[in-house]
C-alpha atoms as a PDB file:
ATOM      1  CA  MET A   1     -85.936 -92.897-130.127  1.00  0.00           C
ATOM      2  CA  SER A   2     -89.125 -92.059-128.358  1.00  0.00           C
ATOM      3  CA  PRO A   3     -90.996 -88.731-128.289  1.00  0.00           C
ATOM      4  CA  VAL A   4     -90.526 -86.558-125.201  1.00  0.00           C
ATOM      5  CA  ASP A   5     -92.402 -83.344-124.373  1.00  0.00           C
ATOM      6  CA  ALA A   6     -90.176 -80.265-124.394  1.00  0.00           C
ATOM      7  CA  LEU A   7     -91.994 -77.433-122.682  1.00  0.00           C
ATOM      8  CA  SER A   8     -90.617 -73.931-122.339  1.00  0.00           C
ATOM      9  CA  GLY A   9     -93.021 -71.240-121.239  1.00  0.00           C
ATOM     10  CA  ARG A  10     -95.761 -71.044-123.847  1.00  0.00           C
ATOM     11  CA  THR A  11     -93.810 -73.058-126.395  1.00  0.00           C
ATOM     12  CA  GLN A  12     -94.856 -76.673-126.496  1.00  0.00           C
ATOM     13  CA  ARG A  13     -93.097 -79.133-128.772  1.00  0.00           C
ATOM     14  CA  ILE A  14     -92.069 -82.748-128.919  1.00  0.00           C
ATOM     15  CA  THR A  15     -88.445 -83.783-129.228  1.00  0.00           C
ATOM     16  CA  LEU A  16     -86.916 -87.211-129.501  1.00  0.00           C
ATOM     17  CA  ASN A  17     -85.388 -88.985-126.562  1.00  0.00           C
ATOM     18  CA  ARG A  18     -81.620 -88.931-127.094  1.00  0.00           C
ATOM     19  CA  GLY A  19     -81.030 -91.898-124.818  1.00  0.00           C
ATOM     20  CA  GLY A  20     -80.406 -95.376-126.076  1.00  0.00           C
ATOM     21  CA  ASP A  21     -78.364 -96.489-129.060  1.00  0.00           C
ATOM     22  CA  ARG A  22     -76.019 -93.672-130.046  1.00  0.00           C
ATOM     23  CA  GLN A  23     -75.092 -95.292-133.356  1.00  0.00           C
ATOM     24  CA  ALA A  24     -78.746 -95.573-134.344  1.00  0.00           C
ATOM     25  CA  ASN A  25     -79.334 -91.925-133.384  1.00  0.00           C
ATOM     26  CA  SER A  26     -76.321 -90.876-135.443  1.00  0.00           C
ATOM     27  CA  ALA A  27     -77.491 -92.895-138.440  1.00  0.00           C
ATOM     28  CA  LEU A  28     -80.980 -91.393-138.196  1.00  0.00           C
ATOM     29  CA  TYR A  29     -79.538 -87.871-138.052  1.00  0.00           C
ATOM     30  CA  THR A  30     -77.357 -88.573-141.098  1.00  0.00           C
ATOM     31  CA  ILE A  31     -80.350 -89.915-143.025  1.00  0.00           C
ATOM     32  CA  VAL A  32     -82.400 -86.834-142.178  1.00  0.00           C
ATOM     33  CA  LEU A  33     -79.638 -84.443-143.236  1.00  0.00           C
ATOM     34  CA  ALA A  34     -79.135 -86.259-146.524  1.00  0.00           C
ATOM     35  CA  ARG A  35     -82.855 -86.287-147.271  1.00  0.00           C
ATOM     36  CA  LEU A  36     -83.273 -82.606-146.414  1.00  0.00           C
ATOM     37  CA  ARG A  37     -80.396 -81.684-148.707  1.00  0.00           C
ATOM     38  CA  ARG A  38     -80.997 -84.006-151.649  1.00  0.00           C
ATOM     39  CA  GLU A  39     -84.540 -85.347-151.688  1.00  0.00           C
ATOM     40  CA  THR A  40     -87.447 -83.235-152.916  1.00  0.00           C
ATOM     41  CA  ARG A  41     -89.786 -85.054-150.530  1.00  0.00           C
ATOM     42  CA  GLY A  42     -87.682 -84.006-147.539  1.00  0.00           C
ATOM     43  CA  ARG A  43     -87.329 -80.432-148.715  1.00  0.00           C
ATOM     44  CA  SER A  44     -91.059 -80.099-149.326  1.00  0.00           C
ATOM     45  CA  TYR A  45     -91.766 -81.491-145.827  1.00  0.00           C
ATOM     46  CA  ALA A  46     -89.439 -78.923-144.276  1.00  0.00           C
ATOM     47  CA  GLY A  47     -90.960 -76.179-146.439  1.00  0.00           C
ATOM     48  CA  ARG A  48     -94.443 -77.029-145.171  1.00  0.00           C
ATOM     49  CA  ARG A  49     -93.283 -76.938-141.554  1.00  0.00           C
ATOM     50  CA  ILE A  50     -91.525 -73.602-142.059  1.00  0.00           C
ATOM     51  CA  ALA A  51     -94.707 -72.229-143.679  1.00  0.00           C
ATOM     52  CA  GLU A  52     -96.536 -73.264-140.477  1.00  0.00           C
ATOM     53  CA  GLY A  53     -94.230 -70.937-138.549  1.00  0.00           C
ATOM     54  CA  LYS A  54     -91.599 -73.371-137.310  1.00  0.00           C
ATOM     55  CA  THR A  55     -87.901 -72.590-137.489  1.00  0.00           C
ATOM     56  CA  GLY A  56     -85.579 -74.599-139.707  1.00  0.00           C
ATOM     57  CA  ARG A  57     -84.286 -76.511-136.714  1.00  0.00           C
ATOM     58  CA  GLU A  58     -87.801 -77.358-135.519  1.00  0.00           C
ATOM     59  CA  ALA A  59     -88.704 -78.486-139.048  1.00  0.00           C
ATOM     60  CA  SER A  60     -85.661 -80.746-139.011  1.00  0.00           C
ATOM     61  CA  ARG A  61     -86.742 -82.190-135.654  1.00  0.00           C
ATOM     62  CA  CYS A  62     -90.238 -82.877-136.997  1.00  0.00           C
ATOM     63  CA  TYR A  63     -88.794 -84.600-140.043  1.00  0.00           C
ATOM     64  CA  GLU A  64     -86.482 -86.661-137.855  1.00  0.00           C
ATOM     65  CA  ALA A  65     -89.491 -87.831-135.844  1.00  0.00           C
ATOM     66  CA  ALA A  66     -91.359 -88.722-139.047  1.00  0.00           C
ATOM     67  CA  VAL A  67     -88.395 -90.684-140.424  1.00  0.00           C
ATOM     68  CA  SER A  68     -87.982 -92.438-137.067  1.00  0.00           C
ATOM     69  CA  LEU A  69     -91.642 -93.480-137.038  1.00  0.00           C
ATOM     70  CA  ALA A  70     -91.496 -94.673-140.649  1.00  0.00           C
ATOM     71  CA  SER A  71     -88.393 -96.770-139.994  1.00  0.00           C
ATOM     72  CA  PHE A  72     -89.948 -98.241-136.847  1.00  0.00           C
ATOM     73  CA  LEU A  73     -93.124 -99.194-138.710  1.00  0.00           C
ATOM     74  CA  PHE A  74     -91.063-100.719-141.520  1.00  0.00           C
ATOM     75  CA  CYS A  75     -89.049-102.824-139.062  1.00  0.00           C
ATOM     76  CA  ALA A  76     -92.158-103.868-137.124  1.00  0.00           C
ATOM     77  CA  ARG A  77     -93.906-104.905-140.335  1.00  0.00           C
ATOM     78  CA  SER A  78     -91.002-107.081-141.481  1.00  0.00           C
ATOM     79  CA  VAL A  79     -90.863-109.084-138.234  1.00  0.00           C
END
């Protein structure tokens, strides 16, 4: 999943490219949901983003991007 600019009027944000491996995208989404519900680290991340003025959905997108980057760096390091 790669970052893609999502521009709408004055709103500027980055979303993840939904193309590619659908199973990997589904697994990433499931991981993010589980972490946001159960893990204090995930909930605190979302809380910080919401305090910045983002919606819950945007906070979830940001966390998904962070988890995606962390998993990519972990895989790249192990090769």
